[in-house]
Amino acid sequence: QVQLEESGGGLVQAGDSLRLSCAASGLTVRLYGTGWFRQTPGKERMFVGAITWGGGPSFYEDSVKGRFTISRDNAKNTVYLQMNNLKSEDTAVYYCAVPKNIASAPGRDESAYEYWGQGTQVTVSS
């Protein structure tokens, strides 16, 4: 059974940093791309960024480029979202997600993903 568990969210001030974790079980995360999404109340879940499987590159939504970085610790089977210089508009519930198939390219649309975590709340006060 595949499970993804996000952690690391919290309440911070604008300009602060947070690192979110996405701990995977039931699959070997380095064999899959992993995406990060975020959602605010009343709005659709939006793409933040993704890391490709193996040693492939990461890519990001324009508003977080240069501030957010996705990395992976294969030994811990965990993917991270490092968020620097946080802004109030980054406030959201953040989700990690994994596609159904090994070595499939992670996309920008949530339909590309099969497995989702429960989400972790990030609140940035201005």
PDB file of N, CA and C in Angstrom:
ATOM      1  N   GLN A   1       0.845  -1.192   0.000  1.00  0.00           N
ATOM      2  CA  GLN A   1       0.000   0.000   0.000  1.00  0.00           C
ATOM      3  C   GLN A   1       0.885   1.249   0.000  1.00  0.00           C
ATOM      4  N   VAL A   2       0.641   2.112  -0.948  1.00  0.00           N
ATOM      5  CA  VAL A   2       1.432   3.326  -1.068  1.00  0.00           C
ATOM      6  C   VAL A   2       0.881   4.388  -0.122  1.00  0.00           C
ATOM      7  N   GLN A   3       1.791   4.991   0.612  1.00  0.00           N
ATOM      8  CA  GLN A   3       1.408   6.099   1.474  1.00  0.00           C
ATOM      9  C   GLN A   3       2.434   7.211   1.346  1.00  0.00           C
ATOM     10  N   LEU A   4       1.940   8.430   1.298  1.00  0.00           N
ATOM     11  CA  LEU A   4       2.770   9.624   1.302  1.00  0.00           C
ATOM     12  C   LEU A   4       2.353  10.465   2.505  1.00  0.00           C
ATOM     13  N   GLU A   5       3.327  10.911   3.259  1.00  0.00           N
ATOM     14  CA  GLU A   5       3.016  11.687   4.451  1.00  0.00           C
ATOM     15  C   GLU A   5       3.830  12.966   4.464  1.00  0.00           C
ATOM     16  N   GLU A   6       3.141  14.097   4.345  1.00  0.00           N
ATOM     17  CA  GLU A   6       3.813  15.382   4.404  1.00  0.00           C
ATOM     18  C   GLU A   6       3.960  15.832   5.858  1.00  0.00           C
ATOM     19  N   SER A   7       4.997  16.586   6.094  1.00  0.00           N
ATOM     20  CA  SER A   7       5.199  17.206   7.403  1.00  0.00           C
ATOM     21  C   SER A   7       6.055  18.450   7.216  1.00  0.00           C
ATOM     22  N   GLY A   8       6.147  19.245   8.274  1.00  0.00           N
ATOM     23  CA  GLY A   8       7.016  20.413   8.245  1.00  0.00           C
ATOM     24  C   GLY A   8       6.313  21.736   8.081  1.00  0.00           C
ATOM     25  N   GLY A   9       5.018  21.709   7.887  1.00  0.00           N
ATOM     26  CA  GLY A   9       4.279  22.953   7.757  1.00  0.00           C
ATOM     27  C   GLY A   9       4.209  23.702   9.073  1.00  0.00           C
ATOM     28  N   GLY A  10       3.732  24.931   9.004  1.00  0.00           N
ATOM     29  CA  GLY A  10       3.599  25.716  10.215  1.00  0.00           C
ATOM     30  C   GLY A  10       3.294  27.164   9.910  1.00  0.00           C
ATOM     31  N   LEU A  11       3.367  27.968  10.962  1.00  0.00           N
ATOM     32  CA  LEU A  11       3.130  29.406  10.859  1.00  0.00           C
ATOM     33  C   LEU A  11       4.475  30.120  10.917  1.00  0.00           C
ATOM     34  N   VAL A  12       4.766  30.893   9.880  1.00  0.00           N
ATOM     35  CA  VAL A  12       6.020  31.634   9.815  1.00  0.00           C
ATOM     36  C   VAL A  12       5.727  33.068   9.366  1.00  0.00           C
ATOM     37  N   GLN A  13       6.754  33.896   9.451  1.00  0.00           N
ATOM     38  CA  GLN A  13       6.625  35.266   8.975  1.00  0.00           C
ATOM     39  C   GLN A  13       7.165  35.382   7.560  1.00  0.00           C
ATOM     40  N   ALA A  14       6.708  36.408   6.877  1.00  0.00           N
ATOM     41  CA  ALA A  14       7.220  36.671   5.534  1.00  0.00           C
ATOM     42  C   ALA A  14       8.740  36.803   5.578  1.00  0.00           C
ATOM     43  N   GLY A  15       9.397  36.168   4.610  1.00  0.00           N
ATOM     44  CA  GLY A  15      10.848  36.178   4.557  1.00  0.00           C
ATOM     45  C   GLY A  15      11.496  34.970   5.201  1.00  0.00           C
ATOM     46  N   ASP A  16      10.742  34.239   5.990  1.00  0.00           N
ATOM     47  CA  ASP A  16      11.271  33.039   6.640  1.00  0.00           C
ATOM     48  C   ASP A  16      11.346  31.868   5.669  1.00  0.00           C
ATOM     49  N   SER A  17      11.896  30.780   6.170  1.00  0.00           N
ATOM     50  CA  SER A  17      12.030  29.551   5.380  1.00  0.00           C
ATOM     51  C   SER A  17      11.342  28.393   6.095  1.00  0.00           C
ATOM     52  N   LEU A  18      10.926  27.422   5.304  1.00  0.00           N
ATOM     53  CA  LEU A  18      10.394  26.166   5.818  1.00  0.00           C
ATOM     54  C   LEU A  18      10.853  25.054   4.896  1.00  0.00           C
ATOM     55  N   ARG A  19      11.000  23.873   5.465  1.00  0.00           N
ATOM     56  CA  ARG A  19      11.264  22.695   4.633  1.00  0.00           C
ATOM     57  C   ARG A  19      10.168  21.678   4.889  1.00  0.00           C
ATOM     58  N   LEU A  20       9.451  21.361   3.844  1.00  0.00           N
ATOM     59  CA  LEU A  20       8.436  20.330   3.914  1.00  0.00           C
ATOM     60  C   LEU A  20       9.035  18.990   3.526  1.00  0.00           C
ATOM     61  N   SER A  21       8.547  17.958   4.168  1.00  0.00           N
ATOM     62  CA  SER A  21       8.986  16.600   3.859  1.00  0.00           C
ATOM     63  C   SER A  21       7.818  15.786   3.344  1.00  0.00           C
ATOM     64  N   CYS A  22       8.135  14.876   2.459  1.00  0.00           N
ATOM     65  CA  CYS A  22       7.153  13.933   1.938  1.00  0.00           C
ATOM     66  C   CYS A  22       7.767  12.543   2.068  1.00  0.00           C
ATOM     67  N   ALA A  23       7.386  11.863   3.121  1.00  0.00           N
ATOM     68  CA  ALA A  23       7.926  10.524   3.389  1.00  0.00           C
ATOM     69  C   ALA A  23       7.052   9.486   2.701  1.00  0.00           C
ATOM     70  N   ALA A  24       7.687   8.638   1.900  1.00  0.00           N
ATOM     71  CA  ALA A  24       6.954   7.651   1.129  1.00  0.00           C
ATOM     72  C   ALA A  24       7.134   6.261   1.722  1.00  0.00           C
ATOM     73  N   SER A  25       6.082   5.463   1.639  1.00  0.00           N
ATOM     74  CA  SER A  25       6.155   4.046   1.969  1.00  0.00           C
ATOM     75  C   SER A  25       5.352   3.292   0.925  1.00  0.00           C
ATOM     76  N   GLY A  26       5.763   2.053   0.685  1.00  0.00           N
ATOM     77  CA  GLY A  26       5.080   1.247  -0.315  1.00  0.00           C
ATOM     78  C   GLY A  26       5.596   1.443  -1.733  1.00  0.00           C
ATOM     79  N   LEU A  27       6.555   2.342  -1.904  1.00  0.00           N
ATOM     80  CA  LEU A  27       7.217   2.502  -3.196  1.00  0.00           C
ATOM     81  C   LEU A  27       8.593   3.110  -2.953  1.00  0.00           C
ATOM     82  N   THR A  28       9.453   2.968  -3.950  1.00  0.00           N
ATOM     83  CA  THR A  28      10.806   3.528  -3.884  1.00  0.00           C
ATOM     84  C   THR A  28      10.773   4.860  -4.622  1.00  0.00           C
ATOM     85  N   VAL A  29      10.828   5.944  -3.875  1.00  0.00           N
ATOM     86  CA  VAL A  29      10.504   7.247  -4.433  1.00  0.00           C
ATOM     87  C   VAL A  29      11.496   7.681  -5.522  1.00  0.00           C
ATOM     88  N   ARG A  30      12.731   7.197  -5.494  1.00  0.00           N
ATOM     89  CA  ARG A  30      13.705   7.612  -6.520  1.00  0.00           C
ATOM     90  C   ARG A  30      13.331   7.080  -7.895  1.00  0.00           C
ATOM     91  N   LEU A  31      12.456   6.073  -7.946  1.00  0.00           N
ATOM     92  CA  LEU A  31      12.029   5.502  -9.228  1.00  0.00           C
ATOM     93  C   LEU A  31      10.837   6.241  -9.828  1.00  0.00           C
ATOM     94  N   TYR A  32      10.315   7.201  -9.072  1.00  0.00           N
ATOM     95  CA  TYR A  32       9.134   7.938  -9.501  1.00  0.00           C
ATOM     96  C   TYR A  32       9.423   9.432  -9.498  1.00  0.00           C
ATOM     97  N   GLY A  33       8.790  10.140 -10.382  1.00  0.00           N
ATOM     98  CA  GLY A  33       8.775  11.585 -10.212  1.00  0.00           C
ATOM     99  C   GLY A  33       7.869  11.938  -9.047  1.00  0.00           C
ATOM    100  N   THR A  34       8.112  13.075  -8.455  1.00  0.00           N
ATOM    101  CA  THR A  34       7.271  13.527  -7.346  1.00  0.00           C
ATOM    102  C   THR A  34       6.907  14.981  -7.559  1.00  0.00           C
ATOM    103  N   GLY A  35       5.657  15.270  -7.402  1.00  0.00           N
ATOM    104  CA  GLY A  35       5.189  16.640  -7.559  1.00  0.00           C
ATOM    105  C   GLY A  35       4.745  17.231  -6.241  1.00  0.00           C
ATOM    106  N   TRP A  36       4.814  18.548  -6.167  1.00  0.00           N
ATOM    107  CA  TRP A  36       4.269  19.306  -5.043  1.00  0.00           C
ATOM    108  C   TRP A  36       3.189  20.243  -5.585  1.00  0.00           C
ATOM    109  N   PHE A  37       2.088  20.273  -4.870  1.00  0.00           N
ATOM    110  CA  PHE A  37       0.966  21.143  -5.214  1.00  0.00           C
ATOM    111  C   PHE A  37       0.564  21.914  -3.967  1.00  0.00           C
ATOM    112  N   ARG A  38      -0.224  22.942  -4.158  1.00  0.00           N
ATOM    113  CA  ARG A  38      -0.770  23.668  -3.022  1.00  0.00           C
ATOM    114  C   ARG A  38      -2.181  24.120  -3.329  1.00  0.00           C
ATOM    115  N   GLN A  39      -2.925  24.308  -2.251  1.00  0.00           N
ATOM    116  CA  GLN A  39      -4.329  24.656  -2.406  1.00  0.00           C
ATOM    117  C   GLN A  39      -4.755  25.606  -1.305  1.00  0.00           C
ATOM    118  N   THR A  40      -5.492  26.637  -1.696  1.00  0.00           N
ATOM    119  CA  THR A  40      -6.101  27.561  -0.750  1.00  0.00           C
ATOM    120  C   THR A  40      -7.613  27.366  -0.784  1.00  0.00           C
ATOM    121  N   PRO A  41      -8.292  27.746   0.274  1.00  0.00           N
ATOM    122  CA  PRO A  41      -9.746  27.503   0.348  1.00  0.00           C
ATOM    123  C   PRO A  41     -10.499  28.090  -0.843  1.00  0.00           C
ATOM    124  N   GLY A  42     -11.350  27.270  -1.422  1.00  0.00           N
ATOM    125  CA  GLY A  42     -12.179  27.714  -2.528  1.00  0.00           C
ATOM    126  C   GLY A  42     -11.500  27.731  -3.881  1.00  0.00           C
ATOM    127  N   LYS A  43     -10.247  27.308  -3.909  1.00  0.00           N
ATOM    128  CA  LYS A  43      -9.511  27.317  -5.180  1.00  0.00           C
ATOM    129  C   LYS A  43      -9.024  25.928  -5.538  1.00  0.00           C
ATOM    130  N   GLU A  44      -8.679  25.770  -6.795  1.00  0.00           N
ATOM    131  CA  GLU A  44      -8.165  24.495  -7.258  1.00  0.00           C
ATOM    132  C   GLU A  44      -6.754  24.267  -6.736  1.00  0.00           C
ATOM    133  N   ARG A  45      -6.382  23.006  -6.693  1.00  0.00           N
ATOM    134  CA  ARG A  45      -5.024  22.655  -6.318  1.00  0.00           C
ATOM    135  C   ARG A  45      -4.085  23.064  -7.464  1.00  0.00           C
ATOM    136  N   MET A  46      -3.011  23.758  -7.104  1.00  0.00           N
ATOM    137  CA  MET A  46      -2.116  24.333  -8.103  1.00  0.00           C
ATOM    138  C   MET A  46      -0.735  23.697  -8.021  1.00  0.00           C
ATOM    139  N   PHE A  47      -0.131  23.532  -9.177  1.00  0.00           N
ATOM    140  CA  PHE A  47       1.222  22.976  -9.277  1.00  0.00           C
ATOM    141  C   PHE A  47       2.237  23.939  -8.686  1.00  0.00           C
ATOM    142  N   VAL A  48       3.166  23.381  -7.914  1.00  0.00           N
ATOM    143  CA  VAL A  48       4.270  24.161  -7.355  1.00  0.00           C
ATOM    144  C   VAL A  48       5.579  23.790  -8.032  1.00  0.00           C
ATOM    145  N   GLY A  49       5.856  22.509  -8.084  1.00  0.00           N
ATOM    146  CA  GLY A  49       7.088  22.037  -8.695  1.00  0.00           C
ATOM    147  C   GLY A  49       7.130  20.528  -8.675  1.00  0.00           C
ATOM    148  N   ALA A  50       8.120  19.972  -9.348  1.00  0.00           N
ATOM    149  CA  ALA A  50       8.258  18.526  -9.401  1.00  0.00           C
ATOM    150  C   ALA A  50       9.712  18.149  -9.619  1.00  0.00           C
ATOM    151  N   ILE A  51      10.055  16.973  -9.168  1.00  0.00           N
ATOM    152  CA  ILE A  51      11.376  16.406  -9.413  1.00  0.00           C
ATOM    153  C   ILE A  51      11.189  15.131 -10.205  1.00  0.00           C
ATOM    154  N   THR A  52      12.004  14.977 -11.241  1.00  0.00           N
ATOM    155  CA  THR A  52      11.884  13.787 -12.064  1.00  0.00           C
ATOM    156  C   THR A  52      12.565  12.596 -11.398  1.00  0.00           C
ATOM    157  N   TRP A  53      12.269  11.416 -11.918  1.00  0.00           N
ATOM    158  CA  TRP A  53      12.814  10.217 -11.298  1.00  0.00           C
ATOM    159  C   TRP A  53      14.303  10.103 -11.559  1.00  0.00           C
ATOM    160  N   GLY A  54      14.956   9.267 -10.734  1.00  0.00           N
ATOM    161  CA  GLY A  54      16.389   9.075 -10.890  1.00  0.00           C
ATOM    162  C   GLY A  54      17.134  10.376 -10.627  1.00  0.00           C
ATOM    163  N   GLY A  55      18.008  10.724 -11.494  1.00  0.00           N
ATOM    164  CA  GLY A  55      18.803  11.939 -11.337  1.00  0.00           C
ATOM    165  C   GLY A  55      18.330  13.092 -12.185  1.00  0.00           C
ATOM    166  N   GLY A  56      17.095  13.045 -12.587  1.00  0.00           N
ATOM    167  CA  GLY A  56      16.574  14.056 -13.487  1.00  0.00           C
ATOM    168  C   GLY A  56      16.358  15.400 -12.826  1.00  0.00           C
ATOM    169  N   PRO A  57      16.077  16.405 -13.615  1.00  0.00           N
ATOM    170  CA  PRO A  57      15.952  17.774 -13.115  1.00  0.00           C
ATOM    171  C   PRO A  57      14.626  18.017 -12.415  1.00  0.00           C
ATOM    172  N   SER A  58      14.583  19.157 -11.740  1.00  0.00           N
ATOM    173  CA  SER A  58      13.338  19.647 -11.156  1.00  0.00           C
ATOM    174  C   SER A  58      12.838  20.820 -11.980  1.00  0.00           C
ATOM    175  N   PHE A  59      11.565  21.107 -11.889  1.00  0.00           N
ATOM    176  CA  PHE A  59      11.002  22.265 -12.557  1.00  0.00           C
ATOM    177  C   PHE A  59       9.915  22.847 -11.668  1.00  0.00           C
ATOM    178  N   TYR A  60       9.660  24.139 -11.857  1.00  0.00           N
ATOM    179  CA  TYR A  60       8.848  24.881 -10.903  1.00  0.00           C
ATOM    180  C   TYR A  60       7.864  25.819 -11.585  1.00  0.00           C
ATOM    181  N   GLU A  61       6.836  26.112 -10.863  1.00  0.00           N
ATOM    182  CA  GLU A  61       5.910  27.160 -11.275  1.00  0.00           C
ATOM    183  C   GLU A  61       6.631  28.499 -11.142  1.00  0.00           C
ATOM    184  N   ASP A  62       6.290  29.417 -12.021  1.00  0.00           N
ATOM    185  CA  ASP A  62       7.063  30.661 -12.133  1.00  0.00           C
ATOM    186  C   ASP A  62       7.143  31.447 -10.819  1.00  0.00           C
ATOM    187  N   SER A  63       6.077  31.473 -10.048  1.00  0.00           N
ATOM    188  CA  SER A  63       6.062  32.335  -8.857  1.00  0.00           C
ATOM    189  C   SER A  63       6.979  31.827  -7.743  1.00  0.00           C
ATOM    190  N   VAL A  64       7.432  30.588  -7.845  1.00  0.00           N
ATOM    191  CA  VAL A  64       8.307  30.049  -6.790  1.00  0.00           C
ATOM    192  C   VAL A  64       9.729  29.821  -7.277  1.00  0.00           C
ATOM    193  N   LYS A  65       9.967  30.016  -8.550  1.00  0.00           N
ATOM    194  CA  LYS A  65      11.319  29.825  -9.087  1.00  0.00           C
ATOM    195  C   LYS A  65      12.312  30.719  -8.353  1.00  0.00           C
ATOM    196  N   GLY A  66      13.435  30.123  -7.994  1.00  0.00           N
ATOM    197  CA  GLY A  66      14.461  30.864  -7.279  1.00  0.00           C
ATOM    198  C   GLY A  66      14.240  30.923  -5.781  1.00  0.00           C
ATOM    199  N   ARG A  67      13.063  30.535  -5.321  1.00  0.00           N
ATOM    200  CA  ARG A  67      12.769  30.535  -3.875  1.00  0.00           C
ATOM    201  C   ARG A  67      12.575  29.120  -3.338  1.00  0.00           C
ATOM    202  N   PHE A  68      11.981  28.249  -4.144  1.00  0.00           N
ATOM    203  CA  PHE A  68      11.675  26.884  -3.722  1.00  0.00           C
ATOM    204  C   PHE A  68      12.612  25.911  -4.419  1.00  0.00           C
ATOM    205  N   THR A  69      12.984  24.871  -3.699  1.00  0.00           N
ATOM    206  CA  THR A  69      13.837  23.837  -4.266  1.00  0.00           C
ATOM    207  C   THR A  69      13.349  22.467  -3.814  1.00  0.00           C
ATOM    208  N   ILE A  70      13.230  21.549  -4.754  1.00  0.00           N
ATOM    209  CA  ILE A  70      12.832  20.181  -4.451  1.00  0.00           C
ATOM    210  C   ILE A  70      14.069  19.292  -4.484  1.00  0.00           C
ATOM    211  N   SER A  71      14.176  18.445  -3.489  1.00  0.00           N
ATOM    212  CA  SER A  71      15.283  17.502  -3.436  1.00  0.00           C
ATOM    213  C   SER A  71      14.773  16.165  -2.929  1.00  0.00           C
ATOM    214  N   ARG A  72      15.640  15.183  -2.991  1.00  0.00           N
ATOM    215  CA  ARG A  72      15.230  13.837  -2.588  1.00  0.00           C
ATOM    216  C   ARG A  72      16.357  13.184  -1.818  1.00  0.00           C
ATOM    217  N   ASP A  73      16.007  12.499  -0.752  1.00  0.00           N
ATOM    218  CA  ASP A  73      16.951  11.683   0.014  1.00  0.00           C
ATOM    219  C   ASP A  73      16.563  10.236  -0.211  1.00  0.00           C
ATOM    220  N   ASN A  74      17.312   9.554  -1.060  1.00  0.00           N
ATOM    221  CA  ASN A  74      16.948   8.178  -1.423  1.00  0.00           C
ATOM    222  C   ASN A  74      17.040   7.244  -0.213  1.00  0.00           C
ATOM    223  N   ALA A  75      17.999   7.487   0.650  1.00  0.00           N
ATOM    224  CA  ALA A  75      18.161   6.620   1.821  1.00  0.00           C
ATOM    225  C   ALA A  75      16.959   6.708   2.759  1.00  0.00           C
ATOM    226  N   LYS A  76      16.343   7.880   2.810  1.00  0.00           N
ATOM    227  CA  LYS A  76      15.180   8.080   3.675  1.00  0.00           C
ATOM    228  C   LYS A  76      13.869   7.918   2.916  1.00  0.00           C
ATOM    229  N   ASN A  77      13.977   7.697   1.604  1.00  0.00           N
ATOM    230  CA  ASN A  77      12.775   7.547   0.769  1.00  0.00           C
ATOM    231  C   ASN A  77      11.838   8.747   0.939  1.00  0.00           C
ATOM    232  N   THR A  78      12.445   9.909   0.932  1.00  0.00           N
ATOM    233  CA  THR A  78      11.735  11.143   1.254  1.00  0.00           C
ATOM    234  C   THR A  78      12.081  12.229   0.235  1.00  0.00           C
ATOM    235  N   VAL A  79      11.085  12.996  -0.126  1.00  0.00           N
ATOM    236  CA  VAL A  79      11.267  14.157  -0.996  1.00  0.00           C
ATOM    237  C   VAL A  79      10.997  15.411  -0.178  1.00  0.00           C
ATOM    238  N   TYR A  80      11.791  16.440  -0.442  1.00  0.00           N
ATOM    239  CA  TYR A  80      11.686  17.672   0.321  1.00  0.00           C
ATOM    240  C   TYR A  80      11.304  18.843  -0.579  1.00  0.00           C
ATOM    241  N   LEU A  81      10.631  19.803   0.030  1.00  0.00           N
ATOM    242  CA  LEU A  81      10.371  21.077  -0.622  1.00  0.00           C
ATOM    243  C   LEU A  81      10.928  22.162   0.292  1.00  0.00           C
ATOM    244  N   GLN A  82      12.062  22.696  -0.096  1.00  0.00           N
ATOM    245  CA  GLN A  82      12.674  23.790   0.648  1.00  0.00           C
ATOM    246  C   GLN A  82      12.084  25.096   0.150  1.00  0.00           C
ATOM    247  N   MET A  83      11.521  25.852   1.054  1.00  0.00           N
ATOM    248  CA  MET A  83      10.855  27.106   0.693  1.00  0.00           C
ATOM    249  C   MET A  83      11.544  28.256   1.413  1.00  0.00           C
ATOM    250  N   ASN A  84      12.146  29.136   0.634  1.00  0.00           N
ATOM    251  CA  ASN A  84      12.843  30.294   1.182  1.00  0.00           C
ATOM    252  C   ASN A  84      12.116  31.579   0.816  1.00  0.00           C
ATOM    253  N   ASN A  85      12.411  32.618   1.573  1.00  0.00           N
ATOM    254  CA  ASN A  85      11.820  33.930   1.312  1.00  0.00           C
ATOM    255  C   ASN A  85      10.308  33.813   1.112  1.00  0.00           C
ATOM    256  N   LEU A  86       9.661  33.202   2.076  1.00  0.00           N
ATOM    257  CA  LEU A  86       8.228  32.958   1.961  1.00  0.00           C
ATOM    258  C   LEU A  86       7.443  34.256   1.948  1.00  0.00           C
ATOM    259  N   LYS A  87       6.359  34.232   1.188  1.00  0.00           N
ATOM    260  CA  LYS A  87       5.479  35.376   1.046  1.00  0.00           C
ATOM    261  C   LYS A  87       4.081  34.990   1.518  1.00  0.00           C
ATOM    262  N   SER A  88       3.276  35.986   1.828  1.00  0.00           N
ATOM    263  CA  SER A  88       1.924  35.699   2.311  1.00  0.00           C
ATOM    264  C   SER A  88       1.127  34.898   1.283  1.00  0.00           C
ATOM    265  N   GLU A  89       1.414  35.138   0.012  1.00  0.00           N
ATOM    266  CA  GLU A  89       0.686  34.410  -1.031  1.00  0.00           C
ATOM    267  C   GLU A  89       1.090  32.948  -1.138  1.00  0.00           C
ATOM    268  N   ASP A  90       2.103  32.540  -0.391  1.00  0.00           N
ATOM    269  CA  ASP A  90       2.478  31.120  -0.349  1.00  0.00           C
ATOM    270  C   ASP A  90       1.637  30.349   0.657  1.00  0.00           C
ATOM    271  N   THR A  91       0.804  31.052   1.416  1.00  0.00           N
ATOM    272  CA  THR A  91      -0.060  30.394   2.382  1.00  0.00           C
ATOM    273  C   THR A  91      -1.008  29.427   1.675  1.00  0.00           C
ATOM    274  N   ALA A  92      -0.987  28.170   2.103  1.00  0.00           N
ATOM    275  CA  ALA A  92      -1.793  27.136   1.458  1.00  0.00           C
ATOM    276  C   ALA A  92      -1.578  25.820   2.184  1.00  0.00           C
ATOM    277  N   VAL A  93      -2.378  24.845   1.819  1.00  0.00           N
ATOM    278  CA  VAL A  93      -2.088  23.461   2.182  1.00  0.00           C
ATOM    279  C   VAL A  93      -1.237  22.875   1.057  1.00  0.00           C
ATOM    280  N   TYR A  94      -0.139  22.287   1.431  1.00  0.00           N
ATOM    281  CA  TYR A  94       0.805  21.732   0.457  1.00  0.00           C
ATOM    282  C   TYR A  94       0.703  20.216   0.436  1.00  0.00           C
ATOM    283  N   TYR A  95       0.671  19.682  -0.779  1.00  0.00           N
ATOM    284  CA  TYR A  95       0.543  18.246  -0.996  1.00  0.00           C
ATOM    285  C   TYR A  95       1.701  17.739  -1.854  1.00  0.00           C
ATOM    286  N   CYS A  96       2.150  16.532  -1.542  1.00  0.00           N
ATOM    287  CA  CYS A  96       3.047  15.852  -2.467  1.00  0.00           C
ATOM    288  C   CYS A  96       2.255  14.750  -3.174  1.00  0.00           C
ATOM    289  N   ALA A  97       2.744  14.371  -4.342  1.00  0.00           N
ATOM    290  CA  ALA A  97       2.023  13.398  -5.148  1.00  0.00           C
ATOM    291  C   ALA A  97       3.002  12.629  -6.019  1.00  0.00           C
ATOM    292  N   VAL A  98       2.623  11.413  -6.326  1.00  0.00           N
ATOM    293  CA  VAL A  98       3.464  10.516  -7.125  1.00  0.00           C
ATOM    294  C   VAL A  98       2.618   9.895  -8.233  1.00  0.00           C
ATOM    295  N   PRO A  99       3.156   9.771  -9.442  1.00  0.00           N
ATOM    296  CA  PRO A  99       2.397   9.125 -10.518  1.00  0.00           C
ATOM    297  C   PRO A  99       2.207   7.633 -10.261  1.00  0.00           C
ATOM    298  N   LYS A 100       1.378   7.014 -11.057  1.00  0.00           N
ATOM    299  CA  LYS A 100       1.092   5.593 -10.884  1.00  0.00           C
ATOM    300  C   LYS A 100       2.253   4.717 -11.331  1.00  0.00           C
ATOM    301  N   ASN A 101       2.947   5.125 -12.393  1.00  0.00           N
ATOM    302  CA  ASN A 101       3.933   4.263 -13.018  1.00  0.00           C
ATOM    303  C   ASN A 101       5.368   4.702 -12.752  1.00  0.00           C
ATOM    304  N   ILE A 102       6.226   3.722 -12.600  1.00  0.00           N
ATOM    305  CA  ILE A 102       7.648   3.972 -12.443  1.00  0.00           C
ATOM    306  C   ILE A 102       8.175   4.703 -13.672  1.00  0.00           C
ATOM    307  N   ALA A 103       9.081   5.644 -13.429  1.00  0.00           N
ATOM    308  CA  ALA A 103       9.807   6.363 -14.470  1.00  0.00           C
ATOM    309  C   ALA A 103       8.907   7.194 -15.378  1.00  0.00           C
ATOM    310  N   SER A 104       7.711   7.466 -14.948  1.00  0.00           N
ATOM    311  CA  SER A 104       6.863   8.355 -15.746  1.00  0.00           C
ATOM    312  C   SER A 104       7.193   9.795 -15.385  1.00  0.00           C
ATOM    313  N   ALA A 105       7.115  10.637 -16.380  1.00  0.00           N
ATOM    314  CA  ALA A 105       7.473  12.032 -16.169  1.00  0.00           C
ATOM    315  C   ALA A 105       6.417  12.719 -15.310  1.00  0.00           C
ATOM    316  N   PRO A 106       6.815  13.407 -14.249  1.00  0.00           N
ATOM    317  CA  PRO A 106       5.824  14.136 -13.465  1.00  0.00           C
ATOM    318  C   PRO A 106       5.341  15.341 -14.247  1.00  0.00           C
ATOM    319  N   GLY A 107       4.073  15.613 -14.184  1.00  0.00           N
ATOM    320  CA  GLY A 107       3.521  16.715 -14.956  1.00  0.00           C
ATOM    321  C   GLY A 107       3.121  17.879 -14.081  1.00  0.00           C
ATOM    322  N   ARG A 108       2.559  18.897 -14.720  1.00  0.00           N
ATOM    323  CA  ARG A 108       2.075  20.071 -14.015  1.00  0.00           C
ATOM    324  C   ARG A 108       0.601  19.955 -13.654  1.00  0.00           C
ATOM    325  N   ASP A 109      -0.057  18.943 -14.186  1.00  0.00           N
ATOM    326  CA  ASP A 109      -1.477  18.763 -13.927  1.00  0.00           C
ATOM    327  C   ASP A 109      -1.677  17.654 -12.917  1.00  0.00           C
ATOM    328  N   GLU A 110      -2.604  17.856 -12.002  1.00  0.00           N
ATOM    329  CA  GLU A 110      -2.786  16.848 -10.954  1.00  0.00           C
ATOM    330  C   GLU A 110      -3.300  15.533 -11.507  1.00  0.00           C
ATOM    331  N   SER A 111      -3.849  15.519 -12.697  1.00  0.00           N
ATOM    332  CA  SER A 111      -4.316  14.268 -13.291  1.00  0.00           C
ATOM    333  C   SER A 111      -3.166  13.309 -13.598  1.00  0.00           C
ATOM    334  N   ALA A 112      -1.929  13.826 -13.603  1.00  0.00           N
ATOM    335  CA  ALA A 112      -0.764  12.985 -13.871  1.00  0.00           C
ATOM    336  C   ALA A 112      -0.361  12.146 -12.663  1.00  0.00           C
ATOM    337  N   TYR A 113      -1.005  12.385 -11.528  1.00  0.00           N
ATOM    338  CA  TYR A 113      -0.595  11.764 -10.281  1.00  0.00           C
ATOM    339  C   TYR A 113      -1.660  10.827  -9.735  1.00  0.00           C
ATOM    340  N   GLU A 114      -1.157   9.731  -9.163  1.00  0.00           N
ATOM    341  CA  GLU A 114      -2.056   8.707  -8.639  1.00  0.00           C
ATOM    342  C   GLU A 114      -2.165   8.763  -7.117  1.00  0.00           C
ATOM    343  N   TYR A 115      -1.037   8.975  -6.473  1.00  0.00           N
ATOM    344  CA  TYR A 115      -0.973   8.892  -5.020  1.00  0.00           C
ATOM    345  C   TYR A 115      -0.728  10.281  -4.435  1.00  0.00           C
ATOM    346  N   TRP A 116      -1.444  10.582  -3.352  1.00  0.00           N
ATOM    347  CA  TRP A 116      -1.377  11.894  -2.724  1.00  0.00           C
ATOM    348  C   TRP A 116      -1.223  11.752  -1.217  1.00  0.00           C
ATOM    349  N   GLY A 117      -0.520  12.702  -0.638  1.00  0.00           N
ATOM    350  CA  GLY A 117      -0.479  12.795   0.804  1.00  0.00           C
ATOM    351  C   GLY A 117      -1.687  13.543   1.329  1.00  0.00           C
ATOM    352  N   GLN A 118      -1.740  13.682   2.637  1.00  0.00           N
ATOM    353  CA  GLN A 118      -2.895  14.309   3.275  1.00  0.00           C
ATOM    354  C   GLN A 118      -2.768  15.823   3.334  1.00  0.00           C
ATOM    355  N   GLY A 119      -1.582  16.336   3.074  1.00  0.00           N
ATOM    356  CA  GLY A 119      -1.368  17.774   3.055  1.00  0.00           C
ATOM    357  C   GLY A 119      -0.836  18.308   4.367  1.00  0.00           C
ATOM    358  N   THR A 120      -0.107  19.408   4.277  1.00  0.00           N
ATOM    359  CA  THR A 120       0.389  20.091   5.460  1.00  0.00           C
ATOM    360  C   THR A 120       0.177  21.594   5.274  1.00  0.00           C
ATOM    361  N   GLN A 121      -0.296  22.247   6.314  1.00  0.00           N
ATOM    362  CA  GLN A 121      -0.653  23.661   6.222  1.00  0.00           C
ATOM    363  C   GLN A 121       0.582  24.534   6.395  1.00  0.00           C
ATOM    364  N   VAL A 122       0.727  25.477   5.482  1.00  0.00           N
ATOM    365  CA  VAL A 122       1.759  26.505   5.590  1.00  0.00           C
ATOM    366  C   VAL A 122       1.052  27.851   5.649  1.00  0.00           C
ATOM    367  N   THR A 123       1.323  28.599   6.685  1.00  0.00           N
ATOM    368  CA  THR A 123       0.732  29.920   6.844  1.00  0.00           C
ATOM    369  C   THR A 123       1.850  30.937   6.998  1.00  0.00           C
ATOM    370  N   VAL A 124       1.839  31.943   6.124  1.00  0.00           N
ATOM    371  CA  VAL A 124       2.873  32.977   6.142  1.00  0.00           C
ATOM    372  C   VAL A 124       2.210  34.302   6.505  1.00  0.00           C
ATOM    373  N   SER A 125       2.615  34.859   7.615  1.00  0.00           N
ATOM    374  CA  SER A 125       2.050  36.136   8.035  1.00  0.00           C
ATOM    375  C   SER A 125       2.914  37.269   7.506  1.00  0.00           C
ATOM    376  N   SER A 126       2.252  38.334   7.110  1.00  0.00           N
ATOM    377  CA  SER A 126       2.987  39.477   6.541  1.00  0.00           C
ATOM    378  C   SER A 126       3.247  40.549   7.586  1.00  0.00           C
TER     379      SER A 126
END
